[in-house]
Amino acid sequence: MADTIARRRNRRMELRTTDEERELIDRAVAASGTDLTDFVVTHVSDAARRVLADRHVFELDDDALAAWEELNDRPARELPGVAALFRRPSPFSE
Protein backbone atom coordinates (compact mmCIF):
# COMPACT_ATOMS: atom_id res chain seq x y z
CA MET A 1 0.00 0.00 0.00
CA ALA A 2 2.85 2.42 0.76
CA ASP A 3 4.06 2.03 -2.84
CA THR A 4 0.61 2.97 -4.14
CA ILE A 5 0.51 6.08 -1.97
CA ALA A 6 4.07 7.04 -2.94
CA ARG A 7 3.29 6.72 -6.66
CA ARG A 8 0.32 9.08 -6.35
CA ARG A 9 2.44 11.79 -4.76
CA ASN A 10 3.45 14.14 -7.51
CA ARG A 11 4.11 17.46 -5.74
CA ARG A 12 7.52 18.25 -4.31
CA MET A 13 7.98 20.13 -1.04
CA GLU A 14 11.33 21.49 0.02
CA LEU A 15 12.32 22.79 3.43
CA ARG A 16 15.42 23.86 5.26
CA THR A 17 16.43 22.63 8.69
CA THR A 18 19.29 23.11 11.08
CA ASP A 19 21.67 20.19 11.51
CA GLU A 20 20.12 19.50 14.91
CA GLU A 21 16.56 19.49 13.54
CA ARG A 22 17.52 17.13 10.72
CA GLU A 23 19.30 14.74 13.10
CA LEU A 24 16.23 14.70 15.36
CA ILE A 25 13.92 14.04 12.41
CA ASP A 26 16.20 11.31 11.05
CA ARG A 27 16.22 9.59 14.46
CA ALA A 28 12.44 9.75 14.64
CA VAL A 29 12.12 8.38 11.10
CA ALA A 30 14.39 5.46 11.99
CA ALA A 31 12.47 4.79 15.21
CA SER A 32 9.14 4.82 13.37
CA GLY A 33 10.28 2.27 10.79
CA THR A 34 9.12 4.39 7.85
CA ASP A 35 10.82 6.59 5.30
CA LEU A 36 11.37 10.34 5.49
CA THR A 37 8.58 11.24 3.06
CA ASP A 38 5.94 9.12 4.81
CA PHE A 39 7.06 10.38 8.23
CA VAL A 40 7.00 14.06 7.27
CA VAL A 41 3.77 13.90 5.26
CA THR A 42 1.98 11.95 8.02
CA HIS A 43 3.05 14.26 10.84
CA VAL A 44 2.66 17.51 8.94
CA SER A 45 -0.81 16.44 7.78
CA ASP A 46 -1.78 15.58 11.38
CA ALA A 47 -0.53 18.97 12.56
CA ALA A 48 -2.42 20.73 9.76
CA ARG A 49 -5.65 18.93 10.72
CA ARG A 50 -5.22 20.00 14.37
CA VAL A 51 -4.62 23.63 13.38
CA LEU A 52 -7.66 23.67 11.11
CA ALA A 53 -9.98 21.59 13.31
CA ASP A 54 -11.38 24.49 15.29
CA ARG A 55 -12.10 26.32 12.08
CA HIS A 56 -14.14 23.50 10.52
CA VAL A 57 -15.46 21.06 13.11
CA PHE A 58 -16.95 21.77 16.50
CA GLU A 59 -17.70 18.81 18.75
CA LEU A 60 -19.24 19.18 22.18
CA ASP A 61 -20.36 16.56 24.67
CA ASP A 62 -23.94 16.82 25.97
CA ASP A 63 -23.02 18.96 28.99
CA ALA A 64 -20.90 21.37 26.97
CA LEU A 65 -23.62 21.62 24.31
CA ALA A 66 -26.23 22.44 26.97
CA ALA A 67 -23.96 25.15 28.42
CA TRP A 68 -23.34 26.56 24.93
CA GLU A 69 -27.07 26.65 24.17
CA GLU A 70 -27.78 28.35 27.51
CA LEU A 71 -25.25 31.08 26.69
CA ASN A 72 -26.68 31.59 23.22
CA ASP A 73 -30.26 31.76 24.50
CA ARG A 74 -29.47 34.68 26.79
CA PRO A 75 -30.65 38.09 25.58
CA ALA A 76 -27.95 40.38 24.24
CA ARG A 77 -26.48 42.82 26.77
CA GLU A 78 -26.04 46.52 26.19
CA LEU A 79 -22.32 47.28 25.93
CA PRO A 80 -21.97 51.09 25.96
CA GLY A 81 -18.26 51.01 25.15
CA VAL A 82 -18.82 48.86 22.08
CA ALA A 83 -21.74 51.03 20.97
CA ALA A 84 -19.53 54.13 21.29
CA LEU A 85 -16.80 52.45 19.29
CA PHE A 86 -19.20 51.72 16.45
CA ARG A 87 -20.37 55.34 16.41
CA ARG A 88 -16.82 56.57 15.80
CA PRO A 89 -15.84 57.26 12.21
CA SER A 90 -13.60 54.63 10.67
CA PRO A 91 -9.94 55.59 10.44
CA PHE A 92 -9.93 53.87 7.04
CA SER A 93 -12.61 55.98 5.40
CA GLU A 94 -11.84 59.28 3.72
PDB file of N, CA and C in Angstrom:
ATOM      1  N   MET A   1       0.816  -1.199   0.000  1.00  0.00           N
ATOM      2  CA  MET A   1       0.000   0.000   0.000  1.00  0.00           C
ATOM      3  C   MET A   1       0.856   1.259   0.000  1.00  0.00           C
ATOM      4  N   ALA A   2       1.979   1.247   0.716  1.00  0.00           N
ATOM      5  CA  ALA A   2       2.851   2.424   0.756  1.00  0.00           C
ATOM      6  C   ALA A   2       3.337   2.780  -0.641  1.00  0.00           C
ATOM      7  N   ASP A   3       3.621   1.763  -1.469  1.00  0.00           N
ATOM      8  CA  ASP A   3       4.060   2.033  -2.835  1.00  0.00           C
ATOM      9  C   ASP A   3       2.970   2.737  -3.638  1.00  0.00           C
ATOM     10  N   THR A   4       1.716   2.332  -3.433  1.00  0.00           N
ATOM     11  CA  THR A   4       0.610   2.965  -4.137  1.00  0.00           C
ATOM     12  C   THR A   4       0.495   4.429  -3.744  1.00  0.00           C
ATOM     13  N   ILE A   5       0.593   4.701  -2.446  1.00  0.00           N
ATOM     14  CA  ILE A   5       0.513   6.082  -1.970  1.00  0.00           C
ATOM     15  C   ILE A   5       1.682   6.887  -2.515  1.00  0.00           C
ATOM     16  N   ALA A   6       2.884   6.329  -2.475  1.00  0.00           N
ATOM     17  CA  ALA A   6       4.069   7.035  -2.944  1.00  0.00           C
ATOM     18  C   ALA A   6       3.956   7.372  -4.426  1.00  0.00           C
ATOM     19  N   ARG A   7       3.403   6.469  -5.222  1.00  0.00           N
ATOM     20  CA  ARG A   7       3.290   6.721  -6.657  1.00  0.00           C
ATOM     21  C   ARG A   7       2.303   7.838  -6.954  1.00  0.00           C
ATOM     22  N   ARG A   8       1.299   8.027  -6.117  1.00  0.00           N
ATOM     23  CA  ARG A   8       0.318   9.081  -6.348  1.00  0.00           C
ATOM     24  C   ARG A   8       0.850  10.455  -5.954  1.00  0.00           C
ATOM     25  N   ARG A   9       1.881  10.502  -5.174  1.00  0.00           N
ATOM     26  CA  ARG A   9       2.438  11.790  -4.756  1.00  0.00           C
ATOM     27  C   ARG A   9       3.212  12.383  -5.918  1.00  0.00           C
ATOM     28  N   ASN A  10       2.787  13.546  -6.357  1.00  0.00           N
ATOM     29  CA  ASN A  10       3.453  14.141  -7.514  1.00  0.00           C
ATOM     30  C   ASN A  10       3.854  15.601  -7.277  1.00  0.00           C
ATOM     31  N   ARG A  11       3.719  16.098  -6.051  1.00  0.00           N
ATOM     32  CA  ARG A  11       4.114  17.465  -5.743  1.00  0.00           C
ATOM     33  C   ARG A  11       5.306  17.436  -4.798  1.00  0.00           C
ATOM     34  N   ARG A  12       6.296  18.208  -5.118  1.00  0.00           N
ATOM     35  CA  ARG A  12       7.516  18.247  -4.313  1.00  0.00           C
ATOM     36  C   ARG A  12       7.415  19.379  -3.292  1.00  0.00           C
ATOM     37  N   MET A  13       7.930  19.117  -2.097  1.00  0.00           N
ATOM     38  CA  MET A  13       7.982  20.129  -1.044  1.00  0.00           C
ATOM     39  C   MET A  13       9.416  20.165  -0.532  1.00  0.00           C
ATOM     40  N   GLU A  14       9.962  21.353  -0.481  1.00  0.00           N
ATOM     41  CA  GLU A  14      11.328  21.489   0.016  1.00  0.00           C
ATOM     42  C   GLU A  14      11.305  22.319   1.290  1.00  0.00           C
ATOM     43  N   LEU A  15      12.203  22.000   2.215  1.00  0.00           N
ATOM     44  CA  LEU A  15      12.318  22.785   3.430  1.00  0.00           C
ATOM     45  C   LEU A  15      13.749  22.764   3.915  1.00  0.00           C
ATOM     46  N   ARG A  16      14.072  23.754   4.692  1.00  0.00           N
ATOM     47  CA  ARG A  16      15.421  23.858   5.264  1.00  0.00           C
ATOM     48  C   ARG A  16      15.331  23.587   6.757  1.00  0.00           C
ATOM     49  N   THR A  17      16.356  22.915   7.268  1.00  0.00           N
ATOM     50  CA  THR A  17      16.434  22.629   8.693  1.00  0.00           C
ATOM     51  C   THR A  17      17.838  22.946   9.184  1.00  0.00           C
ATOM     52  N   THR A  18      17.956  23.043  10.496  1.00  0.00           N
ATOM     53  CA  THR A  18      19.291  23.106  11.082  1.00  0.00           C
ATOM     54  C   THR A  18      19.832  21.671  11.126  1.00  0.00           C
ATOM     55  N   ASP A  19      21.096  21.532  11.368  1.00  0.00           N
ATOM     56  CA  ASP A  19      21.673  20.191  11.506  1.00  0.00           C
ATOM     57  C   ASP A  19      20.999  19.434  12.647  1.00  0.00           C
ATOM     58  N   GLU A  20      20.734  20.144  13.749  1.00  0.00           N
ATOM     59  CA  GLU A  20      20.117  19.501  14.908  1.00  0.00           C
ATOM     60  C   GLU A  20      18.694  19.037  14.599  1.00  0.00           C
ATOM     61  N   GLU A  21      17.927  19.876  13.904  1.00  0.00           N
ATOM     62  CA  GLU A  21      16.562  19.488  13.541  1.00  0.00           C
ATOM     63  C   GLU A  21      16.565  18.265  12.627  1.00  0.00           C
ATOM     64  N   ARG A  22      17.469  18.256  11.662  1.00  0.00           N
ATOM     65  CA  ARG A  22      17.522  17.130  10.725  1.00  0.00           C
ATOM     66  C   ARG A  22      17.928  15.847  11.432  1.00  0.00           C
ATOM     67  N   GLU A  23      18.889  15.932  12.350  1.00  0.00           N
ATOM     68  CA  GLU A  23      19.296  14.745  13.098  1.00  0.00           C
ATOM     69  C   GLU A  23      18.140  14.206  13.937  1.00  0.00           C
ATOM     70  N   LEU A  24      17.391  15.102  14.568  1.00  0.00           N
ATOM     71  CA  LEU A  24      16.231  14.699  15.357  1.00  0.00           C
ATOM     72  C   LEU A  24      15.195  14.013  14.468  1.00  0.00           C
ATOM     73  N   ILE A  25      14.894  14.619  13.344  1.00  0.00           N
ATOM     74  CA  ILE A  25      13.918  14.039  12.414  1.00  0.00           C
ATOM     75  C   ILE A  25      14.390  12.687  11.910  1.00  0.00           C
ATOM     76  N   ASP A  26      15.656  12.587  11.538  1.00  0.00           N
ATOM     77  CA  ASP A  26      16.197  11.308  11.052  1.00  0.00           C
ATOM     78  C   ASP A  26      16.103  10.221  12.116  1.00  0.00           C
ATOM     79  N   ARG A  27      16.360  10.570  13.376  1.00  0.00           N
ATOM     80  CA  ARG A  27      16.223   9.589  14.459  1.00  0.00           C
ATOM     81  C   ARG A  27      14.776   9.141  14.619  1.00  0.00           C
ATOM     82  N   ALA A  28      13.859  10.080  14.523  1.00  0.00           N
ATOM     83  CA  ALA A  28      12.438   9.746  14.645  1.00  0.00           C
ATOM     84  C   ALA A  28      11.982   8.889  13.468  1.00  0.00           C
ATOM     85  N   VAL A  29      12.450   9.188  12.283  1.00  0.00           N
ATOM     86  CA  VAL A  29      12.118   8.385  11.099  1.00  0.00           C
ATOM     87  C   VAL A  29      12.599   6.955  11.309  1.00  0.00           C
ATOM     88  N   ALA A  30      13.837   6.802  11.754  1.00  0.00           N
ATOM     89  CA  ALA A  30      14.391   5.462  11.988  1.00  0.00           C
ATOM     90  C   ALA A  30      13.593   4.721  13.054  1.00  0.00           C
ATOM     91  N   ALA A  31      13.214   5.429  14.119  1.00  0.00           N
ATOM     92  CA  ALA A  31      12.468   4.795  15.207  1.00  0.00           C
ATOM     93  C   ALA A  31      11.065   4.386  14.765  1.00  0.00           C
ATOM     94  N   SER A  32      10.495   5.123  13.810  1.00  0.00           N
ATOM     95  CA  SER A  32       9.135   4.824  13.366  1.00  0.00           C
ATOM     96  C   SER A  32       9.088   3.710  12.331  1.00  0.00           C
ATOM     97  N   GLY A  33      10.239   3.350  11.769  1.00  0.00           N
ATOM     98  CA  GLY A  33      10.278   2.273  10.786  1.00  0.00           C
ATOM     99  C   GLY A  33       9.667   2.656   9.451  1.00  0.00           C
ATOM    100  N   THR A  34       9.673   3.921   9.122  1.00  0.00           N
ATOM    101  CA  THR A  34       9.116   4.387   7.853  1.00  0.00           C
ATOM    102  C   THR A  34      10.186   5.158   7.103  1.00  0.00           C
ATOM    103  N   ASP A  35       9.835   5.772   6.007  1.00  0.00           N
ATOM    104  CA  ASP A  35      10.820   6.589   5.302  1.00  0.00           C
ATOM    105  C   ASP A  35      10.536   8.068   5.581  1.00  0.00           C
ATOM    106  N   LEU A  36      11.459   8.908   5.186  1.00  0.00           N
ATOM    107  CA  LEU A  36      11.367  10.337   5.491  1.00  0.00           C
ATOM    108  C   LEU A  36      10.092  10.953   4.923  1.00  0.00           C
ATOM    109  N   THR A  37       9.772  10.651   3.679  1.00  0.00           N
ATOM    110  CA  THR A  37       8.577  11.236   3.064  1.00  0.00           C
ATOM    111  C   THR A  37       7.324  10.850   3.827  1.00  0.00           C
ATOM    112  N   ASP A  38       7.134   9.558   4.092  1.00  0.00           N
ATOM    113  CA  ASP A  38       5.941   9.122   4.815  1.00  0.00           C
ATOM    114  C   ASP A  38       5.880   9.749   6.205  1.00  0.00           C
ATOM    115  N   PHE A  39       7.025   9.799   6.881  1.00  0.00           N
ATOM    116  CA  PHE A  39       7.064  10.378   8.225  1.00  0.00           C
ATOM    117  C   PHE A  39       6.645  11.845   8.191  1.00  0.00           C
ATOM    118  N   VAL A  40       7.273  12.623   7.323  1.00  0.00           N
ATOM    119  CA  VAL A  40       7.002  14.059   7.268  1.00  0.00           C
ATOM    120  C   VAL A  40       5.572  14.319   6.816  1.00  0.00           C
ATOM    121  N   VAL A  41       5.123  13.661   5.766  1.00  0.00           N
ATOM    122  CA  VAL A  41       3.771  13.899   5.264  1.00  0.00           C
ATOM    123  C   VAL A  41       2.736  13.518   6.323  1.00  0.00           C
ATOM    124  N   THR A  42       2.927  12.386   6.984  1.00  0.00           N
ATOM    125  CA  THR A  42       1.981  11.955   8.017  1.00  0.00           C
ATOM    126  C   THR A  42       1.906  12.962   9.154  1.00  0.00           C
ATOM    127  N   HIS A  43       3.045  13.377   9.673  1.00  0.00           N
ATOM    128  CA  HIS A  43       3.051  14.260  10.839  1.00  0.00           C
ATOM    129  C   HIS A  43       2.676  15.696  10.496  1.00  0.00           C
ATOM    130  N   VAL A  44       3.058  16.162   9.341  1.00  0.00           N
ATOM    131  CA  VAL A  44       2.659  17.514   8.938  1.00  0.00           C
ATOM    132  C   VAL A  44       1.159  17.547   8.652  1.00  0.00           C
ATOM    133  N   SER A  45       0.636  16.509   8.037  1.00  0.00           N
ATOM    134  CA  SER A  45      -0.810  16.436   7.782  1.00  0.00           C
ATOM    135  C   SER A  45      -1.593  16.404   9.089  1.00  0.00           C
ATOM    136  N   ASP A  46      -1.119  15.618  10.068  1.00  0.00           N
ATOM    137  CA  ASP A  46      -1.775  15.576  11.382  1.00  0.00           C
ATOM    138  C   ASP A  46      -1.768  16.961  12.028  1.00  0.00           C
ATOM    139  N   ALA A  47      -0.628  17.632  11.971  1.00  0.00           N
ATOM    140  CA  ALA A  47      -0.529  18.970  12.558  1.00  0.00           C
ATOM    141  C   ALA A  47      -1.457  19.944  11.842  1.00  0.00           C
ATOM    142  N   ALA A  48      -1.533  19.854  10.528  1.00  0.00           N
ATOM    143  CA  ALA A  48      -2.418  20.731   9.761  1.00  0.00           C
ATOM    144  C   ALA A  48      -3.879  20.496  10.137  1.00  0.00           C
ATOM    145  N   ARG A  49      -4.266  19.234  10.315  1.00  0.00           N
ATOM    146  CA  ARG A  49      -5.646  18.928  10.718  1.00  0.00           C
ATOM    147  C   ARG A  49      -5.958  19.523  12.097  1.00  0.00           C
ATOM    148  N   ARG A  50      -5.001  19.437  13.031  1.00  0.00           N
ATOM    149  CA  ARG A  50      -5.222  20.000  14.370  1.00  0.00           C
ATOM    150  C   ARG A  50      -5.381  21.518  14.309  1.00  0.00           C
ATOM    151  N   VAL A  51      -4.543  22.172  13.508  1.00  0.00           N
ATOM    152  CA  VAL A  51      -4.619  23.630  13.382  1.00  0.00           C
ATOM    153  C   VAL A  51      -5.957  24.052  12.785  1.00  0.00           C
ATOM    154  N   LEU A  52      -6.426  23.300  11.802  1.00  0.00           N
ATOM    155  CA  LEU A  52      -7.661  23.673  11.111  1.00  0.00           C
ATOM    156  C   LEU A  52      -8.929  23.159  11.777  1.00  0.00           C
ATOM    157  N   ALA A  53      -8.803  22.240  12.719  1.00  0.00           N
ATOM    158  CA  ALA A  53      -9.976  21.590  13.308  1.00  0.00           C
ATOM    159  C   ALA A  53     -10.948  22.581  13.914  1.00  0.00           C
ATOM    160  N   ASP A  54     -10.452  23.558  14.655  1.00  0.00           N
ATOM    161  CA  ASP A  54     -11.380  24.487  15.294  1.00  0.00           C
ATOM    162  C   ASP A  54     -11.963  25.494  14.321  1.00  0.00           C
ATOM    163  N   ARG A  55     -11.540  25.434  13.095  1.00  0.00           N
ATOM    164  CA  ARG A  55     -12.098  26.316  12.082  1.00  0.00           C
ATOM    165  C   ARG A  55     -13.146  25.601  11.234  1.00  0.00           C
ATOM    166  N   HIS A  56     -13.237  24.280  11.373  1.00  0.00           N
ATOM    167  CA  HIS A  56     -14.135  23.500  10.524  1.00  0.00           C
ATOM    168  C   HIS A  56     -15.097  22.602  11.293  1.00  0.00           C
ATOM    169  N   VAL A  57     -14.653  22.051  12.397  1.00  0.00           N
ATOM    170  CA  VAL A  57     -15.456  21.063  13.112  1.00  0.00           C
ATOM    171  C   VAL A  57     -15.540  21.463  14.577  1.00  0.00           C
ATOM    172  N   PHE A  58     -16.748  21.482  15.093  1.00  0.00           N
ATOM    173  CA  PHE A  58     -16.946  21.766  16.505  1.00  0.00           C
ATOM    174  C   PHE A  58     -17.674  20.571  17.106  1.00  0.00           C
ATOM    175  N   GLU A  59     -17.075  19.953  18.095  1.00  0.00           N
ATOM    176  CA  GLU A  59     -17.700  18.811  18.753  1.00  0.00           C
ATOM    177  C   GLU A  59     -17.802  19.098  20.238  1.00  0.00           C
ATOM    178  N   LEU A  60     -19.004  18.953  20.766  1.00  0.00           N
ATOM    179  CA  LEU A  60     -19.237  19.180  22.184  1.00  0.00           C
ATOM    180  C   LEU A  60     -19.948  17.970  22.769  1.00  0.00           C
ATOM    181  N   ASP A  61     -19.597  17.611  24.010  1.00  0.00           N
ATOM    182  CA  ASP A  61     -20.364  16.556  24.675  1.00  0.00           C
ATOM    183  C   ASP A  61     -21.695  17.160  25.107  1.00  0.00           C
ATOM    184  N   ASP A  62     -22.582  16.354  25.634  1.00  0.00           N
ATOM    185  CA  ASP A  62     -23.935  16.821  25.968  1.00  0.00           C
ATOM    186  C   ASP A  62     -23.932  17.969  26.966  1.00  0.00           C
ATOM    187  N   ASP A  63     -23.072  17.891  27.984  1.00  0.00           N
ATOM    188  CA  ASP A  63     -23.017  18.957  28.991  1.00  0.00           C
ATOM    189  C   ASP A  63     -22.507  20.264  28.389  1.00  0.00           C
ATOM    190  N   ALA A  64     -21.461  20.174  27.598  1.00  0.00           N
ATOM    191  CA  ALA A  64     -20.898  21.373  26.974  1.00  0.00           C
ATOM    192  C   ALA A  64     -21.897  21.969  25.986  1.00  0.00           C
ATOM    193  N   LEU A  65     -22.607  21.120  25.248  1.00  0.00           N
ATOM    194  CA  LEU A  65     -23.619  21.622  24.315  1.00  0.00           C
ATOM    195  C   LEU A  65     -24.736  22.340  25.059  1.00  0.00           C
ATOM    196  N   ALA A  66     -25.181  21.794  26.177  1.00  0.00           N
ATOM    197  CA  ALA A  66     -26.230  22.437  26.973  1.00  0.00           C
ATOM    198  C   ALA A  66     -25.751  23.804  27.484  1.00  0.00           C
ATOM    199  N   ALA A  67     -24.514  23.874  27.941  1.00  0.00           N
ATOM    200  CA  ALA A  67     -23.959  25.145  28.423  1.00  0.00           C
ATOM    201  C   ALA A  67     -23.867  26.151  27.278  1.00  0.00           C
ATOM    202  N   TRP A  68     -23.445  25.698  26.115  1.00  0.00           N
ATOM    203  CA  TRP A  68     -23.340  26.562  24.934  1.00  0.00           C
ATOM    204  C   TRP A  68     -24.716  27.103  24.543  1.00  0.00           C
ATOM    205  N   GLU A  69     -25.709  26.230  24.522  1.00  0.00           N
ATOM    206  CA  GLU A  69     -27.066  26.646  24.168  1.00  0.00           C
ATOM    207  C   GLU A  69     -27.617  27.640  25.190  1.00  0.00           C
ATOM    208  N   GLU A  70     -27.314  27.428  26.469  1.00  0.00           N
ATOM    209  CA  GLU A  70     -27.781  28.345  27.510  1.00  0.00           C
ATOM    210  C   GLU A  70     -27.179  29.734  27.292  1.00  0.00           C
ATOM    211  N   LEU A  71     -25.896  29.787  26.962  1.00  0.00           N
ATOM    212  CA  LEU A  71     -25.253  31.076  26.690  1.00  0.00           C
ATOM    213  C   LEU A  71     -25.873  31.769  25.482  1.00  0.00           C
ATOM    214  N   ASN A  72     -26.132  31.012  24.446  1.00  0.00           N
ATOM    215  CA  ASN A  72     -26.676  31.594  23.219  1.00  0.00           C
ATOM    216  C   ASN A  72     -28.139  31.986  23.346  1.00  0.00           C
ATOM    217  N   ASP A  73     -28.853  31.418  24.287  1.00  0.00           N
ATOM    218  CA  ASP A  73     -30.264  31.755  24.496  1.00  0.00           C
ATOM    219  C   ASP A  73     -30.443  33.017  25.340  1.00  0.00           C
ATOM    220  N   ARG A  74     -29.374  33.479  25.972  1.00  0.00           N
ATOM    221  CA  ARG A  74     -29.469  34.682  26.792  1.00  0.00           C
ATOM    222  C   ARG A  74     -29.714  35.892  25.884  1.00  0.00           C
ATOM    223  N   PRO A  75     -30.470  36.873  26.374  1.00  0.00           N
ATOM    224  CA  PRO A  75     -30.652  38.094  25.577  1.00  0.00           C
ATOM    225  C   PRO A  75     -29.327  38.864  25.498  1.00  0.00           C
ATOM    226  N   ALA A  76     -29.174  39.588  24.432  1.00  0.00           N
ATOM    227  CA  ALA A  76     -27.954  40.382  24.242  1.00  0.00           C
ATOM    228  C   ALA A  76     -27.887  41.475  25.302  1.00  0.00           C
ATOM    229  N   ARG A  77     -26.675  41.760  25.772  1.00  0.00           N
ATOM    230  CA  ARG A  77     -26.481  42.819  26.766  1.00  0.00           C
ATOM    231  C   ARG A  77     -26.113  44.111  26.056  1.00  0.00           C
ATOM    232  N   GLU A  78     -26.478  45.207  26.665  1.00  0.00           N
ATOM    233  CA  GLU A  78     -26.041  46.518  26.188  1.00  0.00           C
ATOM    234  C   GLU A  78     -24.579  46.692  26.589  1.00  0.00           C
ATOM    235  N   LEU A  79     -23.736  47.023  25.653  1.00  0.00           N
ATOM    236  CA  LEU A  79     -22.325  47.285  25.931  1.00  0.00           C
ATOM    237  C   LEU A  79     -22.019  48.703  25.461  1.00  0.00           C
ATOM    238  N   PRO A  80     -22.129  49.679  26.356  1.00  0.00           N
ATOM    239  CA  PRO A  80     -21.967  51.087  25.960  1.00  0.00           C
ATOM    240  C   PRO A  80     -20.630  51.374  25.287  1.00  0.00           C
ATOM    241  N   GLY A  81     -19.573  50.769  25.756  1.00  0.00           N
ATOM    242  CA  GLY A  81     -18.257  51.008  25.151  1.00  0.00           C
ATOM    243  C   GLY A  81     -18.192  50.529  23.709  1.00  0.00           C
ATOM    244  N   VAL A  82     -18.807  49.387  23.449  1.00  0.00           N
ATOM    245  CA  VAL A  82     -18.817  48.864  22.077  1.00  0.00           C
ATOM    246  C   VAL A  82     -19.703  49.738  21.204  1.00  0.00           C
ATOM    247  N   ALA A  83     -20.847  50.142  21.733  1.00  0.00           N
ATOM    248  CA  ALA A  83     -21.744  51.026  20.973  1.00  0.00           C
ATOM    249  C   ALA A  83     -21.024  52.329  20.615  1.00  0.00           C
ATOM    250  N   ALA A  84     -20.271  52.886  21.551  1.00  0.00           N
ATOM    251  CA  ALA A  84     -19.534  54.128  21.290  1.00  0.00           C
ATOM    252  C   ALA A  84     -18.462  53.901  20.226  1.00  0.00           C
ATOM    253  N   LEU A  85     -17.825  52.774  20.290  1.00  0.00           N
ATOM    254  CA  LEU A  85     -16.795  52.451  19.294  1.00  0.00           C
ATOM    255  C   LEU A  85     -17.399  52.406  17.895  1.00  0.00           C
ATOM    256  N   PHE A  86     -18.565  51.822  17.764  1.00  0.00           N
ATOM    257  CA  PHE A  86     -19.197  51.719  16.448  1.00  0.00           C
ATOM    258  C   PHE A  86     -19.704  53.071  15.944  1.00  0.00           C
ATOM    259  N   ARG A  87     -19.933  54.003  16.831  1.00  0.00           N
ATOM    260  CA  ARG A  87     -20.369  55.342  16.409  1.00  0.00           C
ATOM    261  C   ARG A  87     -19.201  56.182  15.891  1.00  0.00           C
ATOM    262  N   ARG A  88     -17.980  55.796  16.243  1.00  0.00           N
ATOM    263  CA  ARG A  88     -16.817  56.575  15.799  1.00  0.00           C
ATOM    264  C   ARG A  88     -16.598  56.380  14.308  1.00  0.00           C
ATOM    265  N   PRO A  89     -16.140  57.425  13.627  1.00  0.00           N
ATOM    266  CA  PRO A  89     -15.837  57.257  12.206  1.00  0.00           C
ATOM    267  C   PRO A  89     -14.649  56.294  12.012  1.00  0.00           C
ATOM    268  N   SER A  90     -14.682  55.575  10.956  1.00  0.00           N
ATOM    269  CA  SER A  90     -13.604  54.633  10.670  1.00  0.00           C
ATOM    270  C   SER A  90     -12.329  55.390  10.306  1.00  0.00           C
ATOM    271  N   PRO A  91     -11.191  54.946  10.829  1.00  0.00           N
ATOM    272  CA  PRO A  91      -9.937  55.592  10.437  1.00  0.00           C
ATOM    273  C   PRO A  91      -9.552  55.249   8.997  1.00  0.00           C
ATOM    274  N   PHE A  92     -10.260  54.313   8.389  1.00  0.00           N
ATOM    275  CA  PHE A  92      -9.932  53.866   7.042  1.00  0.00           C
ATOM    276  C   PHE A  92     -10.779  54.539   5.973  1.00  0.00           C
ATOM    277  N   SER A  93     -11.794  55.294   6.399  1.00  0.00           N
ATOM    278  CA  SER A  93     -12.612  55.985   5.405  1.00  0.00           C
ATOM    279  C   SER A  93     -12.064  57.385   5.204  1.00  0.00           C
ATOM    280  N   GLU A  94     -12.352  57.948   4.045  1.00  0.00           N
ATOM    281  CA  GLU A  94     -11.835  59.281   3.724  1.00  0.00           C
ATOM    282  C   GLU A  94     -12.782  60.345   4.166  1.00  0.00           C
TER     283      GLU A  94
END
